[in-house]
Amino acid sequence: QARDDFFRAVGALASDYERSRVLIALLRSEELDDEWALAAVRAASVSKSDYEKARVLVAAAREHGGKPKVIDAVLETSKGITSDYERRRVTTAAGQGAKSATREL
C-alpha cells in the first residue's frame, strides 16, 4: 500500500527532472529492497526525457547492480531510450553492475 501510494505520487509529478530526483534519492537509500528498486526502474519509464530516464537507470545499475532482477529491468527499460548516447550510458552502467554481481559469487 505504501509503495503504491508513493509511486502514484511520483507518477503525478509533471516534471521529468523532479521525478528523476525523487527516484534517484530513493535508489540511493541503503535499506531499499528489490521490489522498491524494481518499482523505481519501472517508474522511470514514463519520463519523456531520455536524459532523465537514463539518470535513474544509471543510478539503479550503480546502486543495485548486484541484483540480477534489477539489471534485467534496467536493460528492458533502456529499450525505451531513443538517444544512442543515453542508452549506451545505461547499458555500460548495467554491465558494470552485472560484473560486480558475479564477483560477489
PDB file of N, CA and C in Angstrom:
ATOM      1  N   GLN A   1       0.825  -1.188   0.000  1.00  0.00           N
ATOM      2  CA  GLN A   1       0.000   0.000   0.000  1.00  0.00           C
ATOM      3  C   GLN A   1       0.872   1.257   0.000  1.00  0.00           C
ATOM      4  N   ALA A   2       1.839   1.317   0.888  1.00  0.00           N
ATOM      5  CA  ALA A   2       2.715   2.496   0.950  1.00  0.00           C
ATOM      6  C   ALA A   2       3.491   2.664  -0.355  1.00  0.00           C
ATOM      7  N   ARG A   3       3.957   1.554  -0.906  1.00  0.00           N
ATOM      8  CA  ARG A   3       4.706   1.625  -2.159  1.00  0.00           C
ATOM      9  C   ARG A   3       3.805   2.125  -3.291  1.00  0.00           C
ATOM     10  N   ASP A   4       2.588   1.619  -3.356  1.00  0.00           N
ATOM     11  CA  ASP A   4       1.656   2.067  -4.398  1.00  0.00           C
ATOM     12  C   ASP A   4       1.361   3.556  -4.274  1.00  0.00           C
ATOM     13  N   ASP A   5       1.135   4.012  -3.047  1.00  0.00           N
ATOM     14  CA  ASP A   5       0.859   5.434  -2.816  1.00  0.00           C
ATOM     15  C   ASP A   5       2.055   6.288  -3.213  1.00  0.00           C
ATOM     16  N   PHE A   6       3.237   5.835  -2.847  1.00  0.00           N
ATOM     17  CA  PHE A   6       4.451   6.584  -3.170  1.00  0.00           C
ATOM     18  C   PHE A   6       4.605   6.728  -4.683  1.00  0.00           C
ATOM     19  N   PHE A   7       4.482   5.632  -5.406  1.00  0.00           N
ATOM     20  CA  PHE A   7       4.697   5.682  -6.848  1.00  0.00           C
ATOM     21  C   PHE A   7       3.541   6.360  -7.591  1.00  0.00           C
ATOM     22  N   ARG A   8       2.371   6.354  -7.007  1.00  0.00           N
ATOM     23  CA  ARG A   8       1.276   7.127  -7.588  1.00  0.00           C
ATOM     24  C   ARG A   8       1.616   8.625  -7.487  1.00  0.00           C
ATOM     25  N   ALA A   9       2.154   9.037  -6.351  1.00  0.00           N
ATOM     26  CA  ALA A   9       2.557  10.437  -6.172  1.00  0.00           C
ATOM     27  C   ALA A   9       3.715  10.794  -7.106  1.00  0.00           C
ATOM     28  N   VAL A  10       4.682   9.902  -7.241  1.00  0.00           N
ATOM     29  CA  VAL A  10       5.804  10.140  -8.153  1.00  0.00           C
ATOM     30  C   VAL A  10       5.295  10.262  -9.584  1.00  0.00           C
ATOM     31  N   GLY A  11       4.370   9.408  -9.962  1.00  0.00           N
ATOM     32  CA  GLY A  11       3.814   9.444 -11.306  1.00  0.00           C
ATOM     33  C   GLY A  11       3.042  10.723 -11.598  1.00  0.00           C
ATOM     34  N   ALA A  12       2.547  11.365 -10.550  1.00  0.00           N
ATOM     35  CA  ALA A  12       1.789  12.604 -10.724  1.00  0.00           C
ATOM     36  C   ALA A  12       2.689  13.825 -10.921  1.00  0.00           C
ATOM     37  N   LEU A  13       3.992  13.667 -10.676  1.00  0.00           N
ATOM     38  CA  LEU A  13       4.906  14.792 -10.877  1.00  0.00           C
ATOM     39  C   LEU A  13       4.957  15.143 -12.357  1.00  0.00           C
ATOM     40  N   ALA A  14       4.771  16.410 -12.665  1.00  0.00           N
ATOM     41  CA  ALA A  14       4.736  16.839 -14.065  1.00  0.00           C
ATOM     42  C   ALA A  14       6.127  16.951 -14.680  1.00  0.00           C
ATOM     43  N   SER A  15       7.125  17.157 -13.859  1.00  0.00           N
ATOM     44  CA  SER A  15       8.477  17.396 -14.343  1.00  0.00           C
ATOM     45  C   SER A  15       9.298  16.108 -14.329  1.00  0.00           C
ATOM     46  N   ASP A  16       9.868  15.763 -15.471  1.00  0.00           N
ATOM     47  CA  ASP A  16      10.769  14.607 -15.531  1.00  0.00           C
ATOM     48  C   ASP A  16      11.955  14.804 -14.594  1.00  0.00           C
ATOM     49  N   TYR A  17      12.439  16.035 -14.512  1.00  0.00           N
ATOM     50  CA  TYR A  17      13.576  16.343 -13.640  1.00  0.00           C
ATOM     51  C   TYR A  17      13.232  16.050 -12.177  1.00  0.00           C
ATOM     52  N   GLU A  18      12.079  16.539 -11.717  1.00  0.00           N
ATOM     53  CA  GLU A  18      11.687  16.303 -10.318  1.00  0.00           C
ATOM     54  C   GLU A  18      11.459  14.823 -10.065  1.00  0.00           C
ATOM     55  N   ARG A  19      10.843  14.133 -11.025  1.00  0.00           N
ATOM     56  CA  ARG A  19      10.614  12.694 -10.880  1.00  0.00           C
ATOM     57  C   ARG A  19      11.944  11.952 -10.748  1.00  0.00           C
ATOM     58  N   SER A  20      12.908  12.293 -11.598  1.00  0.00           N
ATOM     59  CA  SER A  20      14.201  11.605 -11.543  1.00  0.00           C
ATOM     60  C   SER A  20      14.929  11.901 -10.229  1.00  0.00           C
ATOM     61  N   ARG A  21      14.818  13.131  -9.731  1.00  0.00           N
ATOM     62  CA  ARG A  21      15.452  13.461  -8.439  1.00  0.00           C
ATOM     63  C   ARG A  21      14.900  12.591  -7.322  1.00  0.00           C
ATOM     64  N   VAL A  22      13.580  12.420  -7.289  1.00  0.00           N
ATOM     65  CA  VAL A  22      12.947  11.599  -6.256  1.00  0.00           C
ATOM     66  C   VAL A  22      13.369  10.141  -6.402  1.00  0.00           C
ATOM     67  N   LEU A  23      13.340   9.624  -7.616  1.00  0.00           N
ATOM     68  CA  LEU A  23      13.684   8.218  -7.834  1.00  0.00           C
ATOM     69  C   LEU A  23      15.148   7.933  -7.525  1.00  0.00           C
ATOM     70  N   ILE A  24      16.029   8.846  -7.899  1.00  0.00           N
ATOM     71  CA  ILE A  24      17.456   8.652  -7.609  1.00  0.00           C
ATOM     72  C   ILE A  24      17.699   8.668  -6.105  1.00  0.00           C
ATOM     73  N   ALA A  25      17.060   9.589  -5.394  1.00  0.00           N
ATOM     74  CA  ALA A  25      17.196   9.618  -3.928  1.00  0.00           C
ATOM     75  C   ALA A  25      16.703   8.313  -3.324  1.00  0.00           C
ATOM     76  N   LEU A  26      15.598   7.801  -3.829  1.00  0.00           N
ATOM     77  CA  LEU A  26      15.075   6.526  -3.344  1.00  0.00           C
ATOM     78  C   LEU A  26      16.070   5.395  -3.603  1.00  0.00           C
ATOM     79  N   LEU A  27      16.612   5.343  -4.815  1.00  0.00           N
ATOM     80  CA  LEU A  27      17.546   4.271  -5.170  1.00  0.00           C
ATOM     81  C   LEU A  27      18.816   4.309  -4.340  1.00  0.00           C
ATOM     82  N   ARG A  28      19.178   5.471  -3.838  1.00  0.00           N
ATOM     83  CA  ARG A  28      20.380   5.599  -3.005  1.00  0.00           C
ATOM     84  C   ARG A  28      20.140   5.232  -1.545  1.00  0.00           C
ATOM     85  N   SER A  29      18.898   4.964  -1.208  1.00  0.00           N
ATOM     86  CA  SER A  29      18.555   4.572   0.155  1.00  0.00           C
ATOM     87  C   SER A  29      19.206   3.229   0.472  1.00  0.00           C
ATOM     88  N   GLU A  30      19.875   3.154   1.600  1.00  0.00           N
ATOM     89  CA  GLU A  30      20.655   1.956   1.946  1.00  0.00           C
ATOM     90  C   GLU A  30      19.808   0.713   2.190  1.00  0.00           C
ATOM     91  N   GLU A  31      18.601   0.887   2.647  1.00  0.00           N
ATOM     92  CA  GLU A  31      17.788  -0.275   3.006  1.00  0.00           C
ATOM     93  C   GLU A  31      16.676  -0.551   2.005  1.00  0.00           C
ATOM     94  N   LEU A  32      16.869  -0.164   0.772  1.00  0.00           N
ATOM     95  CA  LEU A  32      15.856  -0.354  -0.261  1.00  0.00           C
ATOM     96  C   LEU A  32      15.837  -1.817  -0.703  1.00  0.00           C
ATOM     97  N   ASP A  33      14.674  -2.431  -0.662  1.00  0.00           N
ATOM     98  CA  ASP A  33      14.604  -3.830  -1.092  1.00  0.00           C
ATOM     99  C   ASP A  33      14.390  -3.908  -2.609  1.00  0.00           C
ATOM    100  N   ASP A  34      14.480  -5.121  -3.131  1.00  0.00           N
ATOM    101  CA  ASP A  34      14.400  -5.345  -4.579  1.00  0.00           C
ATOM    102  C   ASP A  34      13.091  -4.838  -5.182  1.00  0.00           C
ATOM    103  N   GLU A  35      11.986  -5.041  -4.496  1.00  0.00           N
ATOM    104  CA  GLU A  35      10.689  -4.640  -5.041  1.00  0.00           C
ATOM    105  C   GLU A  35      10.594  -3.125  -5.213  1.00  0.00           C
ATOM    106  N   TRP A  36      11.123  -2.389  -4.246  1.00  0.00           N
ATOM    107  CA  TRP A  36      11.127  -0.928  -4.367  1.00  0.00           C
ATOM    108  C   TRP A  36      12.060  -0.502  -5.498  1.00  0.00           C
ATOM    109  N   ALA A  37      13.220  -1.140  -5.592  1.00  0.00           N
ATOM    110  CA  ALA A  37      14.168  -0.792  -6.666  1.00  0.00           C
ATOM    111  C   ALA A  37      13.554  -1.077  -8.036  1.00  0.00           C
ATOM    112  N   LEU A  38      12.889  -2.217  -8.172  1.00  0.00           N
ATOM    113  CA  LEU A  38      12.233  -2.558  -9.445  1.00  0.00           C
ATOM    114  C   LEU A  38      11.121  -1.560  -9.771  1.00  0.00           C
ATOM    115  N   ALA A  39      10.372  -1.169  -8.761  1.00  0.00           N
ATOM    116  CA  ALA A  39       9.299  -0.198  -8.979  1.00  0.00           C
ATOM    117  C   ALA A  39       9.873   1.160  -9.402  1.00  0.00           C
ATOM    118  N   ALA A  40      11.027   1.529  -8.854  1.00  0.00           N
ATOM    119  CA  ALA A  40      11.671   2.795  -9.242  1.00  0.00           C
ATOM    120  C   ALA A  40      12.114   2.741 -10.697  1.00  0.00           C
ATOM    121  N   VAL A  41      12.650   1.612 -11.114  1.00  0.00           N
ATOM    122  CA  VAL A  41      13.066   1.450 -12.515  1.00  0.00           C
ATOM    123  C   VAL A  41      11.851   1.557 -13.428  1.00  0.00           C
ATOM    124  N   ARG A  42      10.772   0.882 -13.063  1.00  0.00           N
ATOM    125  CA  ARG A  42       9.546   0.950 -13.875  1.00  0.00           C
ATOM    126  C   ARG A  42       8.999   2.376 -13.928  1.00  0.00           C
ATOM    127  N   ALA A  43       9.083   3.086 -12.811  1.00  0.00           N
ATOM    128  CA  ALA A  43       8.583   4.466 -12.760  1.00  0.00           C
ATOM    129  C   ALA A  43       9.378   5.385 -13.683  1.00  0.00           C
ATOM    130  N   ALA A  44      10.630   5.056 -13.912  1.00  0.00           N
ATOM    131  CA  ALA A  44      11.454   5.877 -14.810  1.00  0.00           C
ATOM    132  C   ALA A  44      10.963   5.804 -16.245  1.00  0.00           C
ATOM    133  N   SER A  45      10.268   4.748 -16.586  1.00  0.00           N
ATOM    134  CA  SER A  45       9.864   4.543 -17.978  1.00  0.00           C
ATOM    135  C   SER A  45       8.884   5.600 -18.478  1.00  0.00           C
ATOM    136  N   VAL A  46       8.204   6.294 -17.590  1.00  0.00           N
ATOM    137  CA  VAL A  46       7.230   7.296 -18.030  1.00  0.00           C
ATOM    138  C   VAL A  46       7.874   8.627 -18.406  1.00  0.00           C
ATOM    139  N   SER A  47       9.136   8.805 -18.084  1.00  0.00           N
ATOM    140  CA  SER A  47       9.815  10.060 -18.414  1.00  0.00           C
ATOM    141  C   SER A  47       9.929  10.215 -19.927  1.00  0.00           C
ATOM    142  N   LYS A  48       9.624  11.388 -20.401  1.00  0.00           N
ATOM    143  CA  LYS A  48       9.763  11.680 -21.829  1.00  0.00           C
ATOM    144  C   LYS A  48      11.221  11.997 -22.171  1.00  0.00           C
ATOM    145  N   SER A  49      11.942  12.507 -21.202  1.00  0.00           N
ATOM    146  CA  SER A  49      13.332  12.892 -21.408  1.00  0.00           C
ATOM    147  C   SER A  49      14.249  11.671 -21.334  1.00  0.00           C
ATOM    148  N   ASP A  50      14.968  11.398 -22.415  1.00  0.00           N
ATOM    149  CA  ASP A  50      15.937  10.300 -22.402  1.00  0.00           C
ATOM    150  C   ASP A  50      16.996  10.531 -21.335  1.00  0.00           C
ATOM    151  N   TYR A  51      17.409  11.784 -21.190  1.00  0.00           N
ATOM    152  CA  TYR A  51      18.455  12.111 -20.209  1.00  0.00           C
ATOM    153  C   TYR A  51      17.992  11.776 -18.787  1.00  0.00           C
ATOM    154  N   GLU A  52      16.794  12.198 -18.421  1.00  0.00           N
ATOM    155  CA  GLU A  52      16.300  11.943 -17.060  1.00  0.00           C
ATOM    156  C   GLU A  52      16.041  10.459 -16.844  1.00  0.00           C
ATOM    157  N   LYS A  53      15.515   9.790 -17.852  1.00  0.00           N
ATOM    158  CA  LYS A  53      15.291   8.346 -17.750  1.00  0.00           C
ATOM    159  C   LYS A  53      16.628   7.633 -17.536  1.00  0.00           C
ATOM    160  N   ALA A  54      17.635   8.028 -18.312  1.00  0.00           N
ATOM    161  CA  ALA A  54      18.960   7.412 -18.188  1.00  0.00           C
ATOM    162  C   ALA A  54      19.572   7.681 -16.819  1.00  0.00           C
ATOM    163  N   ARG A  55      19.385   8.893 -16.286  1.00  0.00           N
ATOM    164  CA  ARG A  55      19.923   9.200 -14.954  1.00  0.00           C
ATOM    165  C   ARG A  55      19.406   8.211 -13.912  1.00  0.00           C
ATOM    166  N   VAL A  56      18.112   7.931 -13.953  1.00  0.00           N
ATOM    167  CA  VAL A  56      17.517   6.998 -12.993  1.00  0.00           C
ATOM    168  C   VAL A  56      18.041   5.581 -13.224  1.00  0.00           C
ATOM    169  N   LEU A  57      18.103   5.166 -14.465  1.00  0.00           N
ATOM    170  CA  LEU A  57      18.547   3.800 -14.762  1.00  0.00           C
ATOM    171  C   LEU A  57      20.012   3.594 -14.416  1.00  0.00           C
ATOM    172  N   VAL A  58      20.850   4.591 -14.660  1.00  0.00           N
ATOM    173  CA  VAL A  58      22.267   4.501 -14.277  1.00  0.00           C
ATOM    174  C   VAL A  58      22.383   4.408 -12.758  1.00  0.00           C
ATOM    175  N   ALA A  59      21.599   5.205 -12.042  1.00  0.00           N
ATOM    176  CA  ALA A  59      21.620   5.136 -10.572  1.00  0.00           C
ATOM    177  C   ALA A  59      21.180   3.758 -10.093  1.00  0.00           C
ATOM    178  N   ALA A  60      20.155   3.202 -10.717  1.00  0.00           N
ATOM    179  CA  ALA A  60      19.689   1.864 -10.334  1.00  0.00           C
ATOM    180  C   ALA A  60      20.776   0.824 -10.571  1.00  0.00           C
ATOM    181  N   ALA A  61      21.443   0.917 -11.708  1.00  0.00           N
ATOM    182  CA  ALA A  61      22.507  -0.045 -12.033  1.00  0.00           C
ATOM    183  C   ALA A  61      23.677   0.090 -11.068  1.00  0.00           C
ATOM    184  N   ARG A  62      24.034   1.306 -10.724  1.00  0.00           N
ATOM    185  CA  ARG A  62      25.172   1.518  -9.822  1.00  0.00           C
ATOM    186  C   ARG A  62      24.852   1.124  -8.388  1.00  0.00           C
ATOM    187  N   GLU A  63      23.661   1.471  -7.934  1.00  0.00           N
ATOM    188  CA  GLU A  63      23.299   1.228  -6.534  1.00  0.00           C
ATOM    189  C   GLU A  63      22.818  -0.203  -6.284  1.00  0.00           C
ATOM    190  N   HIS A  64      22.265  -0.849  -7.311  1.00  0.00           N
ATOM    191  CA  HIS A  64      21.653  -2.174  -7.141  1.00  0.00           C
ATOM    192  C   HIS A  64      22.132  -3.154  -8.201  1.00  0.00           C
ATOM    193  N   GLY A  65      23.341  -2.930  -8.701  1.00  0.00           N
ATOM    194  CA  GLY A  65      23.890  -3.741  -9.772  1.00  0.00           C
ATOM    195  C   GLY A  65      24.145  -5.191  -9.406  1.00  0.00           C
ATOM    196  N   GLY A  66      24.206  -5.480  -8.128  1.00  0.00           N
ATOM    197  CA  GLY A  66      24.415  -6.849  -7.693  1.00  0.00           C
ATOM    198  C   GLY A  66      23.141  -7.682  -7.702  1.00  0.00           C
ATOM    199  N   LYS A  67      22.052  -7.083  -8.158  1.00  0.00           N
ATOM    200  CA  LYS A  67      20.753  -7.762  -8.163  1.00  0.00           C
ATOM    201  C   LYS A  67      20.332  -8.015  -9.614  1.00  0.00           C
ATOM    202  N   PRO A  68      20.418  -9.249 -10.065  1.00  0.00           N
ATOM    203  CA  PRO A  68      20.111  -9.559 -11.472  1.00  0.00           C
ATOM    204  C   PRO A  68      18.736  -9.079 -11.940  1.00  0.00           C
ATOM    205  N   LYS A  69      17.721  -9.155 -11.084  1.00  0.00           N
ATOM    206  CA  LYS A  69      16.385  -8.702 -11.490  1.00  0.00           C
ATOM    207  C   LYS A  69      16.389  -7.200 -11.791  1.00  0.00           C
ATOM    208  N   VAL A  70      17.143  -6.458 -11.000  1.00  0.00           N
ATOM    209  CA  VAL A  70      17.207  -5.005 -11.219  1.00  0.00           C
ATOM    210  C   VAL A  70      17.934  -4.715 -12.523  1.00  0.00           C
ATOM    211  N   ILE A  71      19.046  -5.400 -12.763  1.00  0.00           N
ATOM    212  CA  ILE A  71      19.791  -5.190 -14.012  1.00  0.00           C
ATOM    213  C   ILE A  71      18.917  -5.543 -15.214  1.00  0.00           C
ATOM    214  N   ASP A  72      18.176  -6.644 -15.127  1.00  0.00           N
ATOM    215  CA  ASP A  72      17.277  -7.023 -16.226  1.00  0.00           C
ATOM    216  C   ASP A  72      16.234  -5.933 -16.473  1.00  0.00           C
ATOM    217  N   ALA A  73      15.680  -5.382 -15.400  1.00  0.00           N
ATOM    218  CA  ALA A  73      14.673  -4.322 -15.535  1.00  0.00           C
ATOM    219  C   ALA A  73      15.293  -3.048 -16.113  1.00  0.00           C
ATOM    220  N   VAL A  74      16.511  -2.737 -15.700  1.00  0.00           N
ATOM    221  CA  VAL A  74      17.214  -1.564 -16.237  1.00  0.00           C
ATOM    222  C   VAL A  74      17.400  -1.725 -17.743  1.00  0.00           C
ATOM    223  N   LEU A  75      17.864  -2.878 -18.162  1.00  0.00           N
ATOM    224  CA  LEU A  75      18.099  -3.114 -19.591  1.00  0.00           C
ATOM    225  C   LEU A  75      16.800  -3.096 -20.380  1.00  0.00           C
ATOM    226  N   GLU A  76      15.756  -3.671 -19.830  1.00  0.00           N
ATOM    227  CA  GLU A  76      14.459  -3.672 -20.515  1.00  0.00           C
ATOM    228  C   GLU A  76      13.926  -2.242 -20.644  1.00  0.00           C
ATOM    229  N   THR A  77      14.011  -1.467 -19.579  1.00  0.00           N
ATOM    230  CA  THR A  77      13.522  -0.090 -19.604  1.00  0.00           C
ATOM    231  C   THR A  77      14.354   0.770 -20.540  1.00  0.00           C
ATOM    232  N   SER A  78      15.640   0.456 -20.664  1.00  0.00           N
ATOM    233  CA  SER A  78      16.513   1.256 -21.537  1.00  0.00           C
ATOM    234  C   SER A  78      16.115   1.138 -23.009  1.00  0.00           C
ATOM    235  N   LYS A  79      15.337   0.122 -23.355  1.00  0.00           N
ATOM    236  CA  LYS A  79      14.883  -0.030 -24.744  1.00  0.00           C
ATOM    237  C   LYS A  79      13.982   1.132 -25.167  1.00  0.00           C
ATOM    238  N   GLY A  80      13.418   1.845 -24.187  1.00  0.00           N
ATOM    239  CA  GLY A  80      12.570   2.988 -24.478  1.00  0.00           C
ATOM    240  C   GLY A  80      13.343   4.285 -24.661  1.00  0.00           C
ATOM    241  N   ILE A  81      14.662   4.220 -24.601  1.00  0.00           N
ATOM    242  CA  ILE A  81      15.506   5.405 -24.791  1.00  0.00           C
ATOM    243  C   ILE A  81      15.893   5.485 -26.261  1.00  0.00           C
ATOM    244  N   THR A  82      15.580   6.606 -26.886  1.00  0.00           N
ATOM    245  CA  THR A  82      15.878   6.744 -28.316  1.00  0.00           C
ATOM    246  C   THR A  82      17.296   7.259 -28.578  1.00  0.00           C
ATOM    247  N   SER A  83      17.866   7.983 -27.637  1.00  0.00           N
ATOM    248  CA  SER A  83      19.218   8.521 -27.804  1.00  0.00           C
ATOM    249  C   SER A  83      20.249   7.402 -27.665  1.00  0.00           C
ATOM    250  N   ASP A  84      21.067   7.218 -28.688  1.00  0.00           N
ATOM    251  CA  ASP A  84      22.120   6.201 -28.637  1.00  0.00           C
ATOM    252  C   ASP A  84      23.078   6.458 -27.484  1.00  0.00           C
ATOM    253  N   TYR A  85      23.427   7.722 -27.281  1.00  0.00           N
ATOM    254  CA  TYR A  85      24.368   8.077 -26.213  1.00  0.00           C
ATOM    255  C   TYR A  85      23.807   7.699 -24.838  1.00  0.00           C
ATOM    256  N   GLU A  86      22.569   8.091 -24.563  1.00  0.00           N
ATOM    257  CA  GLU A  86      21.980   7.809 -23.250  1.00  0.00           C
ATOM    258  C   GLU A  86      21.770   6.310 -23.048  1.00  0.00           C
ATOM    259  N   ARG A  87      21.346   5.611 -24.091  1.00  0.00           N
ATOM    260  CA  ARG A  87      21.166   4.155 -23.976  1.00  0.00           C
ATOM    261  C   ARG A  87      22.503   3.473 -23.697  1.00  0.00           C
ATOM    262  N   ARG A  88      23.565   3.951 -24.342  1.00  0.00           N
ATOM    263  CA  ARG A  88      24.897   3.375 -24.116  1.00  0.00           C
ATOM    264  C   ARG A  88      25.361   3.627 -22.674  1.00  0.00           C
ATOM    265  N   ARG A  89      25.070   4.820 -22.143  1.00  0.00           N
ATOM    266  CA  ARG A  89      25.415   5.101 -20.735  1.00  0.00           C
ATOM    267  C   ARG A  89      24.745   4.097 -19.807  1.00  0.00           C
ATOM    268  N   VAL A  90      23.491   3.801 -20.089  1.00  0.00           N
ATOM    269  CA  VAL A  90      22.740   2.864 -19.247  1.00  0.00           C
ATOM    270  C   VAL A  90      23.286   1.449 -19.385  1.00  0.00           C
ATOM    271  N   THR A  91      23.501   0.994 -20.602  1.00  0.00           N
ATOM    272  CA  THR A  91      23.970  -0.381 -20.789  1.00  0.00           C
ATOM    273  C   THR A  91      25.377  -0.563 -20.232  1.00  0.00           C
ATOM    274  N   THR A  92      26.197   0.462 -20.312  1.00  0.00           N
ATOM    275  CA  THR A  92      27.535   0.391 -19.713  1.00  0.00           C
ATOM    276  C   THR A  92      27.435   0.256 -18.200  1.00  0.00           C
ATOM    277  N   ALA A  93      26.598   1.083 -17.579  1.00  0.00           N
ATOM    278  CA  ALA A  93      26.418   1.004 -16.125  1.00  0.00           C
ATOM    279  C   ALA A  93      25.835  -0.345 -15.725  1.00  0.00           C
ATOM    280  N   ALA A  94      24.889  -0.850 -16.521  1.00  0.00           N
ATOM    281  CA  ALA A  94      24.292  -2.154 -16.219  1.00  0.00           C
ATOM    282  C   ALA A  94      25.330  -3.266 -16.335  1.00  0.00           C
ATOM    283  N   GLY A  95      26.200  -3.175 -17.336  1.00  0.00           N
ATOM    284  CA  GLY A  95      27.265  -4.169 -17.496  1.00  0.00           C
ATOM    285  C   GLY A  95      28.231  -4.156 -16.335  1.00  0.00           C
ATOM    286  N   GLN A  96      28.561  -2.983 -15.857  1.00  0.00           N
ATOM    287  CA  GLN A  96      29.454  -2.880 -14.699  1.00  0.00           C
ATOM    288  C   GLN A  96      28.777  -3.426 -13.447  1.00  0.00           C
ATOM    289  N   GLY A  97      27.464  -3.172 -13.311  1.00  0.00           N
ATOM    290  CA  GLY A  97      26.731  -3.703 -12.172  1.00  0.00           C
ATOM    291  C   GLY A  97      26.653  -5.214 -12.215  1.00  0.00           C
ATOM    292  N   ALA A  98      26.436  -5.770 -13.389  1.00  0.00           N
ATOM    293  CA  ALA A  98      26.367  -7.234 -13.527  1.00  0.00           C
ATOM    294  C   ALA A  98      27.714  -7.868 -13.213  1.00  0.00           C
ATOM    295  N   LYS A  99      28.808  -7.200 -13.619  1.00  0.00           N
ATOM    296  CA  LYS A  99      30.147  -7.727 -13.307  1.00  0.00           C
ATOM    297  C   LYS A  99      30.375  -7.764 -11.815  1.00  0.00           C
ATOM    298  N   SER A 100      29.919  -6.721 -11.099  1.00  0.00           N
ATOM    299  CA  SER A 100      30.122  -6.703  -9.648  1.00  0.00           C
ATOM    300  C   SER A 100      29.307  -7.824  -8.986  1.00  0.00           C
ATOM    301  N   ALA A 101      28.173  -8.183  -9.577  1.00  0.00           N
ATOM    302  CA  ALA A 101      27.362  -9.272  -9.028  1.00  0.00           C
ATOM    303  C   ALA A 101      28.091 -10.602  -9.143  1.00  0.00           C
ATOM    304  N   THR A 102      28.782 -10.841 -10.265  1.00  0.00           N
ATOM    305  CA  THR A 102      29.483 -12.113 -10.423  1.00  0.00           C
ATOM    306  C   THR A 102      30.729 -12.161  -9.557  1.00  0.00           C
ATOM    307  N   ARG A 103      31.331 -11.026  -9.269  1.00  0.00           N
ATOM    308  CA  ARG A 103      32.488 -11.008  -8.372  1.00  0.00           C
ATOM    309  C   ARG A 103      32.092 -11.389  -6.952  1.00  0.00           C
ATOM    310  N   GLU A 104      30.830 -11.080  -6.578  1.00  0.00           N
ATOM    311  CA  GLU A 104      30.366 -11.388  -5.227  1.00  0.00           C
ATOM    312  C   GLU A 104      30.083 -12.872  -5.061  1.00  0.00           C
ATOM    313  N   LEU A 105      29.905 -13.605  -6.175  1.00  0.00           N
ATOM    314  CA  LEU A 105      29.581 -15.038  -6.082  1.00  0.00           C
ATOM    315  C   LEU A 105      30.739 -15.848  -5.706  1.00  0.00           C
TER     316      LEU A 105
END
